Protein backbone atom coordinates (compact mmCIF):
# COMPACT_ATOMS: atom_id res chain seq x y z
CA UNK A 1 27.33 -42.33 -7.44
CA UNK A 2 28.82 -45.21 -5.49
CA UNK A 3 27.16 -46.68 -2.43
CA UNK A 4 29.38 -44.82 0.07
CA UNK A 5 28.63 -41.46 -1.56
CA UNK A 6 24.91 -42.21 -1.46
CA UNK A 7 25.09 -43.16 2.23
CA UNK A 8 27.06 -40.00 3.07
CA UNK A 9 24.55 -37.82 1.24
CA UNK A 10 21.61 -39.44 3.00
CA UNK A 11 23.23 -38.91 6.42
CA UNK A 12 23.93 -35.26 5.67
CA UNK A 13 20.41 -34.73 4.33
CA UNK A 14 19.06 -36.33 7.48
CA UNK A 15 21.01 -33.80 9.56
CA UNK A 16 19.64 -30.98 7.41
CA UNK A 17 16.10 -32.30 7.92
CA UNK A 18 16.67 -32.29 11.68
CA UNK A 19 17.90 -28.70 11.58
CA UNK A 20 14.88 -27.73 9.46
CA UNK A 21 12.57 -29.26 12.06
CA UNK A 22 14.35 -27.28 14.79
CA UNK A 23 13.87 -24.14 12.72
CA UNK A 24 10.14 -24.88 12.45
CA UNK A 25 9.85 -25.21 16.22
CA UNK A 26 11.77 -21.94 16.68
CA UNK A 27 9.50 -20.22 14.18
CA UNK A 28 6.44 -21.46 16.03
CA UNK A 29 7.93 -20.20 19.29
CA UNK A 30 8.67 -16.81 17.74
CA UNK A 31 5.12 -16.48 16.40
CA UNK A 32 3.74 -17.36 19.83
CA UNK A 33 5.91 -14.67 21.42
CA UNK A 34 4.75 -12.18 18.79
CA UNK A 35 1.18 -13.06 19.73
CA UNK A 36 1.95 -12.19 23.35
CA UNK A 37 3.55 -8.91 22.24
CA UNK A 38 0.42 -8.16 20.22
CA UNK A 39 -1.78 -8.70 23.27
CA UNK A 40 0.35 -6.28 25.31
CA UNK A 41 0.29 -3.71 22.50
CA UNK A 42 -3.48 -4.10 22.18
CA UNK A 43 -3.98 -3.38 25.86
CA UNK A 44 -1.61 -0.40 25.87
CA UNK A 45 -2.62 1.08 22.51
CA UNK A 46 0.91 0.77 21.12
CA UNK A 47 1.25 0.78 17.30
CA UNK A 48 2.02 -2.65 15.85
CA UNK A 49 4.84 -1.17 13.77
CA UNK A 50 7.76 0.38 15.67
CA UNK A 51 10.31 1.58 13.07
CA UNK A 52 13.04 2.42 15.58
CA UNK A 53 12.78 -0.99 17.25
CA UNK A 54 12.80 -2.74 13.86
CA UNK A 55 15.84 -0.82 12.59
CA UNK A 56 17.78 -1.44 15.80
CA UNK A 57 16.95 -5.14 15.84
CA UNK A 58 17.94 -5.63 12.20
CA UNK A 59 21.23 -3.79 12.70
CA UNK A 60 22.11 -6.02 15.66
CA UNK A 61 21.18 -9.22 13.83
CA UNK A 62 23.21 -8.19 10.78
CA UNK A 63 26.24 -7.54 12.96
CA UNK A 64 25.82 -10.86 14.75
CA UNK A 65 25.42 -12.67 11.43
CA UNK A 66 28.62 -11.15 10.07
CA UNK A 67 30.49 -12.28 13.20
CA UNK A 68 29.23 -15.82 12.58
CA UNK A 69 30.26 -15.72 8.90
CA UNK A 70 26.61 -15.69 7.84
CA UNK A 71 25.43 -13.27 5.16
CA UNK A 72 23.90 -10.21 6.90
CA UNK A 73 21.52 -9.82 3.96
CA UNK A 74 20.34 -13.41 4.42
CA UNK A 75 19.37 -12.90 8.05
CA UNK A 76 17.71 -9.56 7.22
CA UNK A 77 15.67 -11.16 4.42
CA UNK A 78 14.53 -13.94 6.75
CA UNK A 79 13.65 -11.57 9.57
CA UNK A 80 11.73 -9.19 7.30
CA UNK A 81 9.67 -12.10 6.01
CA UNK A 82 9.02 -13.19 9.58
CA UNK A 83 8.01 -9.68 10.58
CA UNK A 84 5.47 -9.50 7.77
CA UNK A 85 3.94 -12.69 9.10
CA UNK A 86 4.09 -11.28 12.61
CA UNK A 87 2.15 -8.16 11.63
CA UNK A 88 -0.58 -10.36 10.22
CA UNK A 89 -0.75 -12.33 13.46
CA UNK A 90 -0.78 -9.19 15.62
CA UNK A 91 -3.81 -7.92 13.69
CA UNK A 92 -5.75 -11.01 14.76
CA UNK A 93 -5.45 -9.91 18.39
CA UNK A 94 -7.29 -6.67 17.66
CA UNK A 95 -6.41 -3.09 18.57
CA UNK A 96 -7.04 -0.71 21.41
CA UNK A 97 -10.03 1.57 20.94
CA UNK A 98 -8.92 5.19 21.21
CA UNK A 99 -12.36 6.86 21.20
CA UNK A 100 -14.75 4.80 23.32
CA UNK A 101 -17.51 7.46 23.34
CA UNK A 102 -17.57 8.04 19.59
CA UNK A 103 -20.92 6.57 18.73
CA UNK A 104 -21.05 4.39 15.65
CA UNK A 105 -19.18 4.78 12.37
CA UNK A 106 -20.96 4.95 9.01
CA UNK A 107 -19.01 3.97 5.91
CA UNK A 108 -20.68 5.26 2.76
CA UNK A 109 -19.66 2.66 0.20
CA UNK A 110 -18.90 0.12 2.90
CA UNK A 111 -19.64 -2.83 0.64
CA UNK A 112 -16.68 -1.91 -1.58
CA UNK A 113 -13.28 -3.46 -1.01
CA UNK A 114 -11.59 -0.44 0.58
CA UNK A 115 -14.67 0.31 2.64
CA UNK A 116 -14.66 -3.32 3.77
CA UNK A 117 -11.02 -3.08 4.82
CA UNK A 118 -11.63 0.01 6.96
CA UNK A 119 -14.78 -1.59 8.39
CA UNK A 120 -12.69 -4.55 9.45
CA UNK A 121 -9.99 -2.40 11.05
CA UNK A 122 -12.53 -0.28 12.92
CA UNK A 123 -14.40 -3.35 14.17
CA UNK A 124 -11.12 -4.91 15.30
CA UNK A 125 -10.69 -1.72 17.33
CA UNK A 126 -14.05 -2.11 19.03
CA UNK A 127 -16.14 0.39 17.06
CA UNK A 128 -19.67 -0.27 15.84
CA UNK A 129 -19.66 0.11 12.08
CA UNK A 130 -22.65 0.51 9.79
CA UNK A 131 -22.46 0.34 6.01
CA UNK A 132 -24.50 2.59 3.75
CA UNK A 133 -24.46 1.58 0.10
CA UNK A 134 -26.40 2.63 -2.99
CA UNK A 135 -29.53 0.67 -2.06
CA UNK A 136 -29.65 1.95 1.53
CA UNK A 137 -30.44 5.65 1.08
CA UNK A 138 -34.08 5.21 2.03
CA UNK A 139 -32.78 4.26 5.49
CA UNK A 140 -30.02 6.88 5.58
CA UNK A 141 -31.56 9.02 8.32
CA UNK A 142 -31.74 6.07 10.69
CA UNK A 143 -28.24 4.90 9.77
CA UNK A 144 -26.71 8.35 10.33
CA UNK A 145 -28.55 8.88 13.62
CA UNK A 146 -25.99 8.85 16.42
CA UNK A 147 -22.96 8.54 14.11
CA UNK A 148 -19.72 10.06 15.34
CA UNK A 149 -17.76 9.44 12.15
CA UNK A 150 -18.87 9.20 8.51
CA UNK A 151 -16.34 7.95 5.96
CA UNK A 152 -17.03 8.33 2.24
CA UNK A 153 -15.44 5.73 -0.03
CA UNK A 154 -17.27 5.68 -3.35
CA UNK A 155 -15.99 6.05 -6.94
CA UNK A 156 -14.17 9.35 -7.47
CA UNK A 157 -16.51 10.29 -10.29
CA UNK A 158 -19.50 10.56 -7.91
CA UNK A 159 -17.75 11.52 -4.65
CA UNK A 160 -18.30 15.29 -4.75
CA UNK A 161 -21.87 15.02 -6.02
CA UNK A 162 -22.74 12.50 -3.31
CA UNK A 163 -21.21 14.67 -0.58
CA UNK A 164 -23.08 17.76 -1.79
CA UNK A 165 -26.46 16.06 -2.23
CA UNK A 166 -26.54 13.47 0.56
CA UNK A 167 -24.42 14.62 3.51
CA UNK A 168 -25.74 18.06 4.36
CA UNK A 169 -27.75 17.02 7.43
CA UNK A 170 -25.06 15.41 9.60
CA UNK A 171 -24.81 16.55 13.24
CA UNK A 172 -22.22 19.28 13.58
CA UNK A 173 -20.18 17.18 16.01
CA UNK A 174 -19.89 14.31 13.51
CA UNK A 175 -16.55 13.89 11.75
CA UNK A 176 -16.79 13.73 7.96
CA UNK A 177 -13.91 12.06 6.09
CA UNK A 178 -13.24 10.59 2.67
CA UNK A 179 -10.84 7.98 1.28
CA UNK A 180 -10.53 9.11 -2.34
CA UNK A 181 -7.23 9.32 -4.23
CA UNK A 182 -7.70 13.00 -5.08
CA UNK A 183 -8.19 15.42 -2.25
CA UNK A 184 -8.78 19.07 -3.17
CA UNK A 185 -12.29 18.83 -4.65
CA UNK A 186 -13.69 16.28 -2.15
CA UNK A 187 -12.21 18.29 0.73
CA UNK A 188 -13.82 21.49 -0.56
CA UNK A 189 -17.14 19.66 -1.01
CA UNK A 190 -17.05 18.37 2.58
CA UNK A 191 -16.11 21.76 4.00
CA UNK A 192 -18.95 23.39 2.07
CA UNK A 193 -21.71 20.97 3.04
CA UNK A 194 -20.67 20.13 6.62
CA UNK A 195 -20.02 22.62 9.41
CA UNK A 196 -18.27 20.15 11.72
CA UNK A 197 -14.87 18.40 11.66
CA UNK A 198 -13.62 17.47 8.19
CA UNK A 199 -10.53 15.50 7.10
CA UNK A 200 -9.41 14.03 3.78
CA UNK A 201 -7.59 10.69 3.80
CA UNK A 202 -5.86 8.84 0.97
CA UNK A 203 -4.76 5.29 1.78
CA UNK A 204 -1.75 4.67 -0.48
CA UNK A 205 -2.45 0.96 -0.79
CA UNK A 206 -5.00 -1.43 -2.20
CA UNK A 207 -7.67 -3.28 -0.25
CA UNK A 208 -5.78 -6.57 -0.62
CA UNK A 209 -3.08 -5.70 1.94
CA UNK A 210 -2.88 -8.20 4.75
CA UNK A 211 -1.87 -5.59 7.32
CA UNK A 212 -1.64 -1.81 7.54
CA UNK A 213 1.84 -2.06 9.07
CA UNK A 214 4.22 0.22 7.13
CA UNK A 215 1.43 1.37 4.79
CA UNK A 216 1.07 5.10 4.10
CA UNK A 217 -2.09 7.12 4.68
CA UNK A 218 -2.01 10.70 3.40
CA UNK A 219 -3.84 13.20 5.61
CA UNK A 220 -5.20 16.50 4.28
CA UNK A 221 -6.55 18.54 7.17
CA UNK A 222 -9.84 20.30 6.74
CA UNK A 223 -11.43 21.64 9.92
CA UNK A 224 -11.48 20.76 13.62
CA UNK A 225 -8.28 18.72 13.82
CA UNK A 226 -8.56 18.45 17.59
CA UNK A 227 -11.87 16.61 17.13
CA UNK A 228 -10.46 13.93 14.83
CA UNK A 229 -6.95 13.63 16.28
CA UNK A 230 -8.05 10.38 17.91
CA UNK A 231 -8.62 8.94 14.42
CA UNK A 232 -5.02 9.77 13.50
CA UNK A 233 -3.85 7.94 16.62
CA UNK A 234 -6.10 4.99 15.80
CA UNK A 235 -4.64 4.68 12.30
CA UNK A 236 -1.12 4.81 13.77
CA UNK A 237 -2.02 2.00 16.16
CA UNK A 238 -2.97 -0.08 13.12
CA UNK A 239 0.66 0.35 12.04
CA UNK A 240 0.22 2.85 9.23
CA UNK A 241 2.44 5.86 8.68
CA UNK A 242 0.68 9.21 8.34
CA UNK A 243 1.92 11.77 5.82
CA UNK A 244 0.38 15.23 6.13
CA UNK A 245 -0.04 17.10 2.87
CA UNK A 246 -1.64 20.13 1.31
CA UNK A 247 -4.54 18.91 -0.84
CA UNK A 248 -3.42 20.78 -3.97
CA UNK A 249 0.17 19.53 -3.71
CA UNK A 250 -1.10 16.01 -3.10
CA UNK A 251 -3.23 16.09 -6.25
CA UNK A 252 -0.32 17.43 -8.30
CA UNK A 253 1.85 14.56 -7.10
CA UNK A 254 -0.90 12.04 -7.91
CA UNK A 255 -0.78 13.12 -11.55
CA UNK A 256 2.66 11.48 -11.67
CA UNK A 257 2.38 8.84 -8.94
CA UNK A 258 -0.95 7.44 -10.08
CA UNK A 259 -2.48 8.79 -13.29
CA UNK A 260 0.63 8.80 -15.48
CA UNK A 261 1.94 5.53 -14.05
CA UNK A 262 -1.35 3.67 -14.42
CA UNK A 263 -1.90 5.08 -17.91
CA UNK A 264 1.59 3.96 -18.92
CA UNK A 265 0.87 0.46 -17.64
CA UNK A 266 -2.44 0.47 -19.51
CA UNK A 267 -0.73 1.41 -22.78
CA UNK A 268 2.00 -1.21 -22.16
CA UNK A 269 -0.66 -3.89 -21.73
CA UNK A 270 -2.61 -2.59 -24.72
CA UNK A 271 0.51 -2.81 -26.85
CA UNK A 272 1.23 -6.39 -25.73
CA UNK A 273 -2.36 -7.31 -26.62
CA UNK A 274 -2.24 -5.68 -30.05
CA UNK A 275 1.12 -7.30 -30.76
CA UNK A 276 -0.49 -10.64 -29.80
CA UNK A 277 2.45 -11.28 -27.51
CA UNK A 278 2.82 -14.82 -26.17
CA UNK A 279 3.10 -14.15 -22.42
CA UNK A 280 4.20 -17.71 -21.63
CA UNK A 281 7.00 -17.30 -24.12
CA UNK A 282 7.95 -13.88 -22.74
CA UNK A 283 8.24 -15.35 -19.26
CA UNK A 284 10.55 -18.07 -20.53
CA UNK A 285 13.01 -15.47 -21.75
CA UNK A 286 12.45 -12.73 -19.18
CA UNK A 287 15.02 -11.42 -16.77
CA UNK A 288 13.85 -10.92 -13.18
CA UNK A 289 13.47 -7.18 -13.73
CA UNK A 290 11.29 -7.70 -16.80
CA UNK A 291 9.24 -10.34 -15.05
CA UNK A 292 8.61 -7.86 -12.22
CA UNK A 293 7.64 -5.18 -14.73
CA UNK A 294 5.32 -7.59 -16.53
CA UNK A 295 3.80 -8.59 -13.19
CA UNK A 296 3.03 -4.97 -12.36
CA UNK A 297 1.32 -4.48 -15.73
CA UNK A 298 -0.62 -7.73 -15.31
CA UNK A 299 -1.64 -6.68 -11.80
CA UNK A 300 -3.36 -3.62 -13.25
CA UNK A 301 -5.51 -5.74 -15.55
CA UNK A 302 -6.46 -8.10 -12.73
CA UNK A 303 -8.39 -5.28 -11.06
CA UNK A 304 -11.43 -3.13 -11.73
CA UNK A 305 -11.34 -1.12 -14.99
CA UNK A 306 -13.83 1.32 -13.46
CA UNK A 307 -11.45 2.01 -10.56
CA UNK A 308 -8.52 2.83 -12.84
CA UNK A 309 -10.68 4.83 -15.21
CA UNK A 310 -11.75 6.90 -12.20
CA UNK A 311 -8.14 7.45 -11.12
CA UNK A 312 -6.89 8.38 -14.59
CA UNK A 313 -9.87 10.57 -15.49
CA UNK A 314 -10.21 12.19 -12.05
CA UNK A 315 -8.05 15.21 -12.85
CA UNK A 316 -8.06 16.92 -16.22
CA UNK A 317 -4.62 18.21 -15.27
CA UNK A 318 -3.34 14.64 -15.62
CA UNK A 319 -3.53 15.14 -19.38
CA UNK A 320 -0.61 17.55 -19.10
CA UNK A 321 1.55 15.07 -17.20
CA UNK A 322 0.65 12.24 -19.59
CA UNK A 323 1.18 14.51 -22.59
CA UNK A 324 4.61 15.54 -21.31
CA UNK A 325 5.49 11.86 -20.93
CA UNK A 326 4.45 11.24 -24.55
CA UNK A 327 6.56 14.20 -25.75
CA UNK A 328 9.61 12.91 -23.87
CA UNK A 329 9.05 9.41 -25.26
CA UNK A 330 8.81 10.81 -28.78
CA UNK A 331 12.00 12.84 -28.34
CA UNK A 332 13.83 9.77 -27.04
CA UNK A 333 12.53 7.77 -30.00
CA UNK A 334 14.02 10.37 -32.36
CA UNK A 335 17.42 9.76 -30.74
CA UNK A 336 16.99 6.09 -31.55
CA UNK A 337 15.80 6.69 -35.13
CA UNK A 338 18.70 9.05 -35.82
CA UNK A 339 21.24 6.60 -34.44
CA UNK A 340 22.40 9.23 -31.95
CA UNK A 341 23.95 6.85 -29.42
CA UNK A 342 26.00 9.57 -27.74
CA UNK A 343 22.88 11.73 -27.32
CA UNK A 344 21.23 8.84 -25.51
CA UNK A 345 24.27 8.43 -23.24
CA UNK A 346 24.35 12.16 -22.49
CA UNK A 347 20.68 12.24 -21.53
CA UNK A 348 21.08 9.07 -19.49
CA UNK A 349 23.90 10.67 -17.49
CA UNK A 350 21.90 13.87 -17.08
CA UNK A 351 18.96 11.97 -15.60
CA UNK A 352 21.27 9.85 -13.45
CA UNK A 353 22.79 13.01 -11.97
CA UNK A 354 19.30 14.33 -11.28
CA UNK A 355 18.41 11.13 -9.38
CA UNK A 356 21.57 11.56 -7.30
CA UNK A 357 21.72 9.37 -4.20
CA UNK A 358 18.24 8.01 -4.89
CA UNK A 359 19.57 5.93 -7.80
CA UNK A 360 21.84 3.64 -5.69
CA UNK A 361 19.16 3.56 -2.98
CA UNK A 362 16.60 2.31 -5.49
CA UNK A 363 19.14 -0.16 -6.83
CA UNK A 364 19.51 -1.69 -3.37
CA UNK A 365 15.76 -1.82 -2.82
CA UNK A 366 15.09 -3.35 -6.23
CA UNK A 367 17.76 -5.98 -5.64
CA UNK A 368 15.74 -7.33 -2.72
CA UNK A 369 12.56 -7.34 -4.81
CA UNK A 370 14.32 -9.10 -7.66
CA UNK A 371 15.50 -11.80 -5.28
CA UNK A 372 11.85 -12.43 -4.41
CA UNK A 373 11.08 -12.72 -8.13
CA UNK A 374 13.89 -15.26 -8.51
CA UNK A 375 12.52 -17.26 -5.58
CA UNK A 376 9.06 -17.16 -7.17
CA UNK A 377 10.42 -18.44 -10.49
CA UNK A 378 12.30 -21.23 -8.76
CA UNK A 379 9.11 -22.24 -6.95
């Protein structure tokens, strides 16, 4: 480059740096305003996530961006990233306490990661929380004394036995809840042992989430809904979305949503290991979609094997779903072995028709995720 070109580039880069600094100041101002919004929401007991407000705001910004010849998707991506940061900041303000006269909360398994997350959220809402773990049962009577809510979050394999053997002496007014990923058997166990309010909850997220905004909590009603309705409102204030479900239907869905999916990821990772795959090399040649798939498999193996064994082994019925998956895989493999290309195309189109409008919807959603993967690679 000649000297003039270099000078011109430096001047333009200087202007860009100035604009970037202005953006930083605007971001700081926006975060400060979000903090003020969080304080108002905390005082009023308003949920931190307002889907209608978010959708309306994004639609307006997209329209304004298009009028300014700016990509609407660009401004939406930026705003969504900002909103995620905003939800984290709002959590720091705390939340309104819905049930001031509850008494304290006992979390059985409170030293675990999910128990710790719910302890944090309840404390941020002003509740007194006590943890009862495996070494605390000699003090259980004192810990339970005066409790208004007991939440069970222990490994699935011991949940029902613990409920039946340890929780039969709770005051009738105490709410008994669980956080396990299967619902029918724990719910039956709680209803059998406890005569008071009972509710089954399944948080559809891991304990590493930074905020409950937009997260899903499945609710399976047991008994005395009017007594624990405040808990539903409290969870909504945290930003989560409640999905009510029949316990049996929930467990059937989990055979596909959790057990089969996690088992498939386990086998995928097992196969990579036995093939002695060079992961560094795979990443060098991976498309964004494969990198994302590999990341999801790797994520599984970064977590507790006991947790995933519990999920996969929790329902014997999962064997049917996993077995059906194996049969379908084997049938598809026969198409490949026989060279039946047209048979593959026919089945592909059949499945695509079954997905219907969900297929293009998922394509749009995955495009945004893949852009994040590209940004990660570039970083």
